[in-house]
Protein backbone atom coordinates (compact mmCIF):
# COMPACT_ATOMS: atom_id res chain seq x y z
CA UNK A 1 -45.06 -5.04 62.48
CA UNK A 2 -46.12 -3.00 59.45
CA UNK A 3 -42.59 -1.64 58.96
CA UNK A 4 -41.11 -5.15 59.14
CA UNK A 5 -43.63 -6.43 56.62
CA UNK A 6 -42.88 -3.57 54.23
CA UNK A 7 -39.17 -4.28 54.54
CA UNK A 8 -39.78 -7.95 53.78
CA UNK A 9 -41.80 -7.03 50.68
CA UNK A 10 -39.02 -4.76 49.42
CA UNK A 11 -36.46 -7.53 50.03
CA UNK A 12 -38.62 -10.04 48.16
CA UNK A 13 -38.98 -7.64 45.21
CA UNK A 14 -35.21 -7.13 45.08
CA UNK A 15 -34.51 -10.87 45.23
CA UNK A 16 -37.01 -11.57 42.46
CA UNK A 17 -35.47 -8.89 40.28
CA UNK A 18 -31.98 -10.28 40.94
CA UNK A 19 -33.06 -13.74 39.78
CA UNK A 20 -34.66 -12.29 36.67
CA UNK A 21 -31.64 -10.16 35.70
CA UNK A 22 -29.03 -12.86 36.30
CA UNK A 23 -30.90 -16.02 35.35
CA UNK A 24 -33.41 -15.41 32.55
CA UNK A 25 -32.36 -15.69 28.86
CA UNK A 26 -30.35 -12.64 27.85
CA UNK A 27 -31.90 -11.67 24.51
CA UNK A 28 -35.58 -11.69 25.56
CA UNK A 29 -34.59 -9.92 28.78
CA UNK A 30 -32.88 -7.09 26.89
CA UNK A 31 -35.77 -6.74 24.47
CA UNK A 32 -38.23 -6.59 27.36
CA UNK A 33 -36.18 -3.90 29.11
CA UNK A 34 -35.30 -1.87 26.04
CA UNK A 35 -38.87 -1.54 24.70
CA UNK A 36 -39.99 0.94 27.40
CA UNK A 37 -36.64 2.74 27.09
CA UNK A 38 -37.03 3.08 23.30
CA UNK A 39 -40.59 4.33 23.75
CA UNK A 40 -39.42 6.83 26.39
CA UNK A 41 -36.69 8.13 24.11
CA UNK A 42 -38.97 8.39 21.11
CA UNK A 43 -41.51 10.23 23.23
CA UNK A 44 -38.79 12.62 24.41
CA UNK A 45 -37.82 13.16 20.77
CA UNK A 46 -41.46 13.70 19.87
CA UNK A 47 -41.56 16.22 22.71
CA UNK A 48 -38.77 18.14 20.97
CA UNK A 49 -40.18 17.68 17.49
CA UNK A 50 -43.57 18.98 18.61
CA UNK A 51 -42.00 22.31 19.50
CA UNK A 52 -39.89 22.25 16.34
CA UNK A 53 -42.98 21.64 14.19
CA UNK A 54 -45.25 24.26 15.74
CA UNK A 55 -42.52 26.87 16.12
CA UNK A 56 -41.57 26.28 12.49
CA UNK A 57 -44.97 27.72 11.56
CA UNK A 58 -43.95 31.04 13.17
CA UNK A 59 -40.85 31.81 11.09
CA UNK A 60 -37.23 30.98 10.27
CA UNK A 61 -35.81 33.03 13.16
CA UNK A 62 -38.04 31.18 15.61
CA UNK A 63 -36.88 27.84 14.16
CA UNK A 64 -33.30 28.98 14.68
CA UNK A 65 -34.08 29.74 18.32
CA UNK A 66 -34.79 26.04 18.86
CA UNK A 67 -31.25 25.25 17.76
CA UNK A 68 -29.87 27.73 20.29
CA UNK A 69 -32.09 26.37 23.08
CA UNK A 70 -30.95 22.84 22.26
CA UNK A 71 -27.56 23.61 23.82
CA UNK A 72 -29.18 24.59 27.12
CA UNK A 73 -31.47 21.56 27.11
CA UNK A 74 -28.41 19.39 26.54
CA UNK A 75 -26.83 20.83 29.69
CA UNK A 76 -29.94 19.99 31.70
CA UNK A 77 -29.87 16.47 30.25
CA UNK A 78 -26.18 16.22 31.08
CA UNK A 79 -26.77 16.98 34.74
CA UNK A 80 -29.75 14.65 34.97
CA UNK A 81 -27.81 11.86 33.28
CA UNK A 82 -24.76 12.53 35.44
CA UNK A 83 -26.64 11.88 38.66
CA UNK A 84 -29.05 9.29 37.21
CA UNK A 85 -26.42 7.22 35.43
CA UNK A 86 -23.75 7.91 38.03
CA UNK A 87 -25.87 6.59 40.87
CA UNK A 88 -27.63 4.05 38.63
CA UNK A 89 -24.49 2.32 37.35
CA UNK A 90 -23.22 1.71 40.88
CA UNK A 91 -26.73 0.90 42.08
CA UNK A 92 -27.18 -1.89 39.50
CA UNK A 93 -23.82 -3.41 40.43
CA UNK A 94 -24.74 -3.24 44.14
CA UNK A 95 -28.07 -4.91 43.37
CA UNK A 96 -26.12 -7.60 41.50
CA UNK A 97 -24.09 -8.12 44.69
CA UNK A 98 -27.37 -7.97 46.67
CA UNK A 99 -26.18 -4.97 48.71
CA UNK A 100 -29.66 -3.37 48.73
CA UNK A 101 -29.15 -0.86 51.56
CA UNK A 102 -26.19 0.69 49.81
CA UNK A 103 -28.14 0.75 46.55
CA UNK A 104 -30.97 2.66 48.31
CA UNK A 105 -28.56 5.36 49.44
CA UNK A 106 -27.23 5.75 45.91
CA UNK A 107 -30.81 6.19 44.66
CA UNK A 108 -31.56 8.98 47.13
CA UNK A 109 -28.26 10.82 46.60
CA UNK A 110 -28.65 10.70 42.82
CA UNK A 111 -32.16 12.15 43.04
CA UNK A 112 -31.28 15.00 45.39
CA UNK A 113 -28.14 15.88 43.46
CA UNK A 114 -30.05 16.17 40.17
CA UNK A 115 -32.72 18.49 41.61
CA UNK A 116 -30.17 20.75 43.29
CA UNK A 117 -28.04 20.98 40.15
CA UNK A 118 -31.13 22.00 38.16
CA UNK A 119 -31.79 24.73 40.69
CA UNK A 120 -28.28 26.10 40.21
CA UNK A 121 -28.69 26.12 36.41
CA UNK A 122 -32.04 27.89 36.73
CA UNK A 123 -30.60 30.70 38.86
CA UNK A 124 -27.47 31.19 36.73
CA UNK A 125 -29.29 30.88 33.41
CA UNK A 126 -32.10 33.31 34.20
CA UNK A 127 -29.60 35.88 35.51
CA UNK A 128 -27.52 35.84 32.28
CA UNK A 129 -29.98 34.68 29.64
CA UNK A 130 -29.50 37.36 26.95
CA UNK A 131 -25.72 37.12 27.15
CA UNK A 132 -26.00 33.32 27.20
CA UNK A 133 -27.99 32.93 23.97
CA UNK A 134 -25.71 35.37 22.16
CA UNK A 135 -22.70 33.36 23.26
CA UNK A 136 -24.38 30.18 22.01
CA UNK A 137 -24.42 31.54 18.45
CA UNK A 138 -27.76 33.39 18.18
CA UNK A 139 -28.01 36.13 15.58
CA UNK A 140 -29.62 39.47 16.47
CA UNK A 141 -32.92 38.28 14.99
CA UNK A 142 -32.86 34.87 16.72
CA UNK A 143 -31.75 36.00 20.20
CA UNK A 144 -35.08 37.53 21.41
CA UNK A 145 -36.98 34.36 20.49
CA UNK A 146 -34.39 32.15 22.20
CA UNK A 147 -34.79 34.20 25.39
CA UNK A 148 -38.58 33.86 25.28
CA UNK A 149 -38.46 30.12 24.71
CA UNK A 150 -35.84 29.36 27.37
CA UNK A 151 -37.26 31.46 30.22
CA UNK A 152 -40.04 29.06 31.36
CA UNK A 153 -37.83 26.03 30.66
CA UNK A 154 -35.14 27.37 32.99
CA UNK A 155 -37.74 28.02 35.67
CA UNK A 156 -38.60 24.31 35.47
CA UNK A 157 -34.93 23.24 35.32
CA UNK A 158 -34.92 21.40 38.71
CA UNK A 159 -37.82 19.26 37.48
CA UNK A 160 -36.17 18.70 34.10
CA UNK A 161 -32.93 17.46 35.69
CA UNK A 162 -34.87 15.41 38.23
CA UNK A 163 -36.94 13.73 35.50
CA UNK A 164 -33.91 12.65 33.48
CA UNK A 165 -32.24 11.32 36.64
CA UNK A 166 -35.29 9.41 37.88
CA UNK A 167 -35.87 7.83 34.48
CA UNK A 168 -32.33 6.44 34.62
CA UNK A 169 -32.56 5.39 38.25
CA UNK A 170 -35.73 3.41 37.57
CA UNK A 171 -34.19 1.88 34.46
CA UNK A 172 -31.09 0.64 36.29
CA UNK A 173 -33.40 -1.21 38.68
CA UNK A 174 -34.88 -3.01 35.68
CA UNK A 175 -38.06 -0.91 35.92
CA UNK A 176 -38.02 0.84 32.53
CA UNK A 177 -41.80 0.70 32.21
CA UNK A 178 -42.32 3.08 35.14
CA UNK A 179 -39.95 5.61 33.58
CA UNK A 180 -41.84 5.32 30.32
CA UNK A 181 -45.14 6.13 32.03
CA UNK A 182 -43.75 9.34 33.50
CA UNK A 183 -42.25 10.60 30.25
CA UNK A 184 -45.18 9.60 28.05
CA UNK A 185 -47.66 11.39 30.32
CA UNK A 186 -45.77 14.67 30.03
CA UNK A 187 -45.31 14.33 26.28
CA UNK A 188 -48.98 13.65 25.61
CA UNK A 189 -49.88 16.77 27.52
CA UNK A 190 -47.33 18.74 25.51
CA UNK A 191 -49.00 17.72 22.26
CA UNK A 192 -52.14 19.48 23.50
CA UNK A 193 -50.63 22.45 25.34
CA UNK A 194 -48.08 23.54 22.72
CA UNK A 195 -50.56 24.48 19.95
CA UNK A 196 -53.00 25.84 22.55
CA UNK A 197 -50.45 28.24 24.01
CA UNK A 198 -48.73 29.11 20.71
CA UNK A 199 -51.73 29.73 18.47
CA UNK A 200 -55.00 29.83 20.44
CA UNK A 201 -53.69 31.95 23.33
CA UNK A 202 -51.28 33.75 20.96
CA UNK A 203 -48.25 33.32 23.21
CA UNK A 204 -45.95 32.49 20.31
CA UNK A 205 -42.62 30.88 21.07
CA UNK A 206 -42.94 31.73 24.78
CA UNK A 207 -46.03 29.50 24.85
CA UNK A 208 -43.99 26.60 23.46
CA UNK A 209 -41.44 26.99 26.24
CA UNK A 210 -44.19 27.32 28.86
CA UNK A 211 -45.87 24.11 27.64
CA UNK A 212 -42.55 22.27 27.83
CA UNK A 213 -41.89 23.54 31.36
CA UNK A 214 -45.34 22.50 32.59
CA UNK A 215 -45.09 19.06 31.02
CA UNK A 216 -41.62 18.41 32.41
CA UNK A 217 -42.93 19.30 35.86
CA UNK A 218 -45.78 16.81 35.46
CA UNK A 219 -43.34 14.09 34.38
CA UNK A 220 -41.17 14.84 37.41
CA UNK A 221 -44.14 14.50 39.77
CA UNK A 222 -45.17 11.16 38.25
CA UNK A 223 -41.62 9.75 38.24
CA UNK A 224 -41.08 10.79 41.85
CA UNK A 225 -44.28 9.01 42.87
CA UNK A 226 -43.28 5.90 40.92
CA UNK A 227 -39.85 5.83 42.54
CA UNK A 228 -41.23 6.32 46.05
CA UNK A 229 -43.95 3.66 45.78
CA UNK A 230 -43.25 1.12 43.06
CA UNK A 231 -39.51 0.81 42.46
CA UNK A 232 -37.48 -2.24 43.47
CA UNK A 233 -35.87 0.26 45.84
CA UNK A 234 -38.18 2.84 47.41
CA UNK A 235 -37.00 6.45 47.06
CA UNK A 236 -36.68 8.07 50.50
CA UNK A 237 -34.94 11.35 51.31
CA UNK A 238 -33.91 9.85 54.65
CA UNK A 239 -31.54 7.61 52.68
CA UNK A 240 -29.70 10.65 51.30
CA UNK A 241 -26.59 10.19 53.43
CA UNK A 242 -23.61 10.84 51.20
CA UNK A 243 -20.11 9.80 52.14
CA UNK A 244 -16.80 10.03 50.30
CA UNK A 245 -17.00 6.55 48.78
CA UNK A 246 -20.56 6.93 47.52
CA UNK A 247 -19.88 10.36 46.04
CA UNK A 248 -16.77 9.00 44.36
CA UNK A 249 -18.81 6.16 42.85
CA UNK A 250 -21.46 8.55 41.54
CA UNK A 251 -18.86 10.83 40.01
CA UNK A 252 -17.05 7.89 38.43
CA UNK A 253 -20.24 6.37 37.05
CA UNK A 254 -21.75 9.66 35.91
CA UNK A 255 -18.67 11.36 34.48
CA UNK A 256 -18.93 9.67 31.06
CA UNK A 257 -22.57 10.82 30.76
CA UNK A 258 -21.65 14.34 31.85
CA UNK A 259 -18.76 14.45 29.42
CA UNK A 260 -20.90 13.03 26.60
CA UNK A 261 -23.72 15.50 27.12
CA UNK A 262 -21.45 18.48 27.83
CA UNK A 263 -19.48 17.69 24.69
CA UNK A 264 -22.79 17.49 22.84
CA UNK A 265 -23.76 20.93 24.10
CA UNK A 266 -20.41 22.34 23.06
CA UNK A 267 -20.69 20.66 19.67
CA UNK A 268 -24.19 22.05 19.07
CA UNK A 269 -22.91 25.50 19.99
CA UNK A 270 -20.02 25.06 17.56
CA UNK A 271 -22.46 24.01 14.83
CA UNK A 272 -24.53 27.15 15.47
CA UNK A 273 -21.43 29.35 15.45
CA UNK A 274 -20.17 27.71 12.24
CA UNK A 275 -23.60 28.12 10.59
CA UNK A 276 -23.97 31.72 11.78
CA UNK A 277 -22.11 33.32 8.81
CA UNK A 278 -24.42 31.49 6.42
CA UNK A 279 -27.54 33.08 7.96
CA UNK A 280 -30.69 32.10 9.85
CA UNK A 281 -31.62 29.45 7.27
CA UNK A 282 -28.41 27.49 7.91
CA UNK A 283 -28.92 27.59 11.68
CA UNK A 284 -32.57 26.57 11.32
CA UNK A 285 -31.73 23.78 8.86
CA UNK A 286 -29.08 22.26 11.11
CA UNK A 287 -31.40 22.58 14.13
CA UNK A 288 -34.01 20.50 12.29
CA UNK A 289 -31.39 17.94 11.22
CA UNK A 290 -30.13 17.56 14.79
CA UNK A 291 -33.66 16.89 16.02
CA UNK A 292 -34.33 14.31 13.27
CA UNK A 293 -31.04 12.48 13.86
CA UNK A 294 -31.66 12.61 17.60
CA UNK A 295 -34.88 10.71 16.94
CA UNK A 296 -33.04 8.03 14.94
CA UNK A 297 -30.28 7.67 17.52
CA UNK A 298 -32.80 7.60 20.37
CA UNK A 299 -33.88 4.14 19.23
CA UNK A 300 -30.32 2.88 19.63
CA UNK A 301 -29.86 4.70 22.91
CA UNK A 302 -33.01 2.97 24.16
CA UNK A 303 -31.58 -0.39 23.17
CA UNK A 304 -28.38 0.48 25.04
CA UNK A 305 -30.42 1.53 28.06
CA UNK A 306 -32.04 -1.90 28.06
CA UNK A 307 -28.55 -3.43 27.91
CA UNK A 308 -27.08 -1.39 30.77
CA UNK A 309 -29.01 -2.86 33.74
CA UNK A 310 -28.36 -6.37 32.36
CA UNK A 311 -24.68 -5.51 32.09
CA UNK A 312 -24.57 -3.96 35.58
CA UNK A 313 -26.37 -6.77 37.39
CA UNK A 314 -24.38 -9.53 35.70
CA UNK A 315 -21.02 -7.80 35.90
CA UNK A 316 -21.66 -7.22 39.62
CA UNK A 317 -22.58 -10.89 39.99
CA UNK A 318 -19.43 -12.02 38.13
CA UNK A 319 -21.38 -13.50 35.18
CA UNK A 320 -19.08 -12.22 32.41
CA UNK A 321 -20.38 -14.63 29.78
CA UNK A 322 -23.84 -13.05 30.01
CA UNK A 323 -22.28 -9.60 29.69
CA UNK A 324 -20.49 -10.58 26.45
CA UNK A 325 -23.61 -12.21 25.03
CA UNK A 326 -25.68 -9.11 25.80
CA UNK A 327 -23.11 -6.79 24.24
CA UNK A 328 -22.84 -8.63 20.92
CA UNK A 329 -26.60 -8.99 20.64
CA UNK A 330 -27.05 -5.24 21.12
CA UNK A 331 -24.29 -4.32 18.66
CA UNK A 332 -25.74 -6.58 15.97
CA UNK A 333 -29.33 -5.41 16.47
CA UNK A 334 -28.45 -1.70 16.68
CA UNK A 335 -26.36 -1.85 13.49
CA UNK A 336 -29.22 -3.49 11.60
CA UNK A 337 -31.74 -0.95 12.88
CA UNK A 338 -29.49 2.00 11.99
CA UNK A 339 -28.96 0.66 8.48
CA UNK A 340 -32.74 0.49 7.95
CA UNK A 341 -33.25 3.97 9.41
CA UNK A 342 -30.49 5.36 7.20
CA UNK A 343 -32.24 4.11 4.07
CA UNK A 344 -35.60 5.46 5.26
CA UNK A 345 -34.22 8.91 6.13
CA UNK A 346 -32.31 9.16 2.82
CA UNK A 347 -35.46 8.46 0.83
CA UNK A 348 -37.67 10.90 2.75
CA UNK A 349 -35.17 13.67 3.62
CA UNK A 350 -36.91 16.53 1.73
CA UNK A 351 -40.29 15.67 3.18
CA UNK A 352 -38.88 15.34 6.70
CA UNK A 353 -37.32 18.81 6.61
CA UNK A 354 -40.36 20.40 4.97
CA UNK A 355 -42.57 19.12 7.79
CA UNK A 356 -40.79 21.53 10.12
CA UNK A 357 -39.95 24.42 7.76
CA UNK A 358 -40.80 24.81 4.06
CA UNK A 359 -38.32 27.66 3.45
CA UNK A 360 -36.31 26.49 0.37
CA UNK A 361 -33.01 27.67 1.88
CA UNK A 362 -33.68 25.73 5.08
CA UNK A 363 -34.68 22.62 3.11
CA UNK A 364 -31.53 22.78 0.98
CA UNK A 365 -29.24 22.80 4.02
CA UNK A 366 -31.26 20.18 5.89
CA UNK A 367 -31.50 17.67 3.03
CA UNK A 368 -27.77 17.88 2.26
CA UNK A 369 -26.86 17.29 5.92
CA UNK A 370 -29.29 14.37 6.28
CA UNK A 371 -28.02 12.65 3.14
CA UNK A 372 -24.42 12.86 4.30
CA UNK A 373 -25.21 11.58 7.79
CA UNK A 374 -27.17 8.62 6.40
CA UNK A 375 -23.89 7.17 5.10
CA UNK A 376 -22.22 7.00 8.52
CA UNK A 377 -25.01 6.63 11.08
CA UNK A 378 -24.70 2.83 10.88
CA UNK A 379 -21.41 3.12 12.81
CA UNK A 380 -23.14 4.52 15.87
CA UNK A 381 -24.26 1.10 17.08
CA UNK A 382 -20.66 0.18 17.86
CA UNK A 383 -19.87 3.68 19.14
CA UNK A 384 -22.79 3.87 21.57
CA UNK A 385 -22.75 0.30 22.87
CA UNK A 386 -19.03 0.46 23.53
CA UNK A 387 -19.43 3.65 25.47
CA UNK A 388 -22.39 2.37 27.50
CA UNK A 389 -20.72 -0.92 28.37
CA UNK A 390 -17.54 0.80 29.57
CA UNK A 391 -19.57 3.17 31.71
CA UNK A 392 -21.73 0.48 33.29
CA UNK A 393 -18.69 -1.63 34.15
CA UNK A 394 -17.17 1.31 36.00
CA UNK A 395 -14.38 1.94 33.46
CA UNK A 396 -14.64 5.69 33.95
CA UNK A 397 -11.53 6.75 32.05
CA UNK A 398 -12.29 4.72 28.93
CA UNK A 399 -15.98 5.61 28.95
CA UNK A 400 -15.28 9.33 29.39
CA UNK A 401 -12.74 9.34 26.57
CA UNK A 402 -15.07 7.51 24.18
CA UNK A 403 -17.92 9.82 25.18
CA UNK A 404 -15.98 12.96 24.35
CA UNK A 405 -14.67 11.63 21.02
CA UNK A 406 -17.83 11.75 18.91
CA UNK A 407 -19.30 15.06 20.09
CA UNK A 408 -16.29 16.94 21.40
CA UNK A 409 -12.83 15.79 20.43
CA UNK A 410 -13.76 15.26 16.77
CA UNK A 411 -16.96 17.17 16.01
CA UNK A 412 -16.18 20.55 17.55
CA UNK A 413 -12.87 21.18 15.73
CA UNK A 414 -14.19 19.60 12.52
CA UNK A 415 -17.23 21.85 12.33
CA UNK A 416 -15.14 24.93 13.08
CA UNK A 417 -12.44 24.16 10.49
CA UNK A 418 -14.25 22.56 7.53
CA UNK A 419 -16.56 25.52 6.72
CA UNK A 420 -13.49 27.68 6.09
CA UNK A 421 -12.38 25.13 3.48
CA UNK A 422 -15.60 23.97 1.78
CA UNK A 423 -18.20 26.47 2.98
CA UNK A 424 -21.60 25.40 4.29
CA UNK A 425 -20.86 21.83 3.17
CA UNK A 426 -18.37 21.70 6.04
CA UNK A 427 -21.19 22.33 8.52
CA UNK A 428 -23.35 19.68 6.88
CA UNK A 429 -20.61 17.00 6.77
CA UNK A 430 -18.93 17.54 10.13
CA UNK A 431 -21.02 15.02 12.10
CA UNK A 432 -20.29 12.23 9.62
CA UNK A 433 -16.55 12.89 9.77
CA UNK A 434 -16.76 12.73 13.56
CA UNK A 435 -18.71 9.43 13.48
CA UNK A 436 -16.06 7.74 11.33
CA UNK A 437 -13.18 8.90 13.51
CA UNK A 438 -15.04 7.85 16.67
CA UNK A 439 -15.62 4.37 15.24
CA UNK A 440 -11.92 3.94 14.47
CA UNK A 441 -11.07 4.87 18.07
CA UNK A 442 -13.82 2.82 19.74
CA UNK A 443 -13.07 -0.57 18.14
CA UNK A 444 -9.63 -1.23 19.73
CA UNK A 445 -10.83 -0.09 23.16
CA UNK A 446 -13.80 -2.45 23.02
CA UNK A 447 -11.70 -5.36 21.82
CA UNK A 448 -9.45 -4.99 24.86
CA UNK A 449 -12.42 -4.67 27.22
CA UNK A 450 -14.09 -7.80 25.86
CA UNK A 451 -10.87 -9.78 26.13
CA UNK A 452 -10.84 -8.91 29.85
CA UNK A 453 -14.26 -10.58 30.26
CA UNK A 454 -13.06 -14.03 29.17
């Protein structure tokens, strides 16, 4: 009797969520869903900026090590997003069709896949770490610090991948608030542990990595508990029964995220390699810029993450008018927010860079790069929303192509070629060139996709 009652409760929860996602007014619904996602993303950015700030007090080489480690963290994000978004996209559509049993299997497979992939990265990364950081663009002075920082993070890699996946899987159920709780808890602990380990216990940059690893493990534990007890679908390993069709759906739904994040990792590596001839200050300056711009873009990503479950539920339910309304609302709002952030970052660029490293050479590179990127960041609302909508609708080919454009197809060759023509300015301007080209490619694809929803 207890099992039947529990099943009835889960069914009632799912039905209530379905009515909310397909029947309530679109704009308030998106704002309600995106707020926890924005907070989660800002907290994740603060997580990164905490390390950047405290490590910046240790030296320029240590600051450069953060830029090298960013490539590895992007890979862990890529795997977490691959399984979380891959299973989550299909899961939201299945929930829109009210196929809850199939959605539960997608949840379990996505979770297990993320943890196992993190385990593989941990084993491979720890076995080749010195060679890895050198290949990612570290100078001889930066490499030892990159190894120290990454070692504890790689040990926690299964939890890191699992956390990113679970955050997405909760979000696609329309339960962004639970994901926020898990991420915020880990970040708050990191604010305390990072300075304790770095300065009080004199662990240096290794202490920063250790604090990050511990906090990611805590977030993973909280998110797992939330998913098992409070989600619309209850996470259960017994539901992890993959078959060819489910695996194909996860790959199709997650491939754009994997491509986007993998391209980002490649692009960051290319930036480090391109900055390498200009010294540690150039690498450190661009590392700081990437973290600052990641914070600005995380707001828009959070808005898109609030849009995705609305898109998935309503597209699965055949309510195309609600999908179009949600898309245009998010494009308009994200463009306005990016314009405001661009003005704010332009006006405070020197102070922002100096917060993390007061070395004049680092500040010079960082301020120039920020000023250039402020001109084009407003285009990213269209770029990101178009990519997210294509992915959530199951348009794998289009979504994967758009994902690779900004960070891979355009940025990587641009940042490798321009410095040979205009020096360090080529490193500083490469992202803006890539943003403009990506916008020009995204617009016609999105126009065709929206016409298909009429």
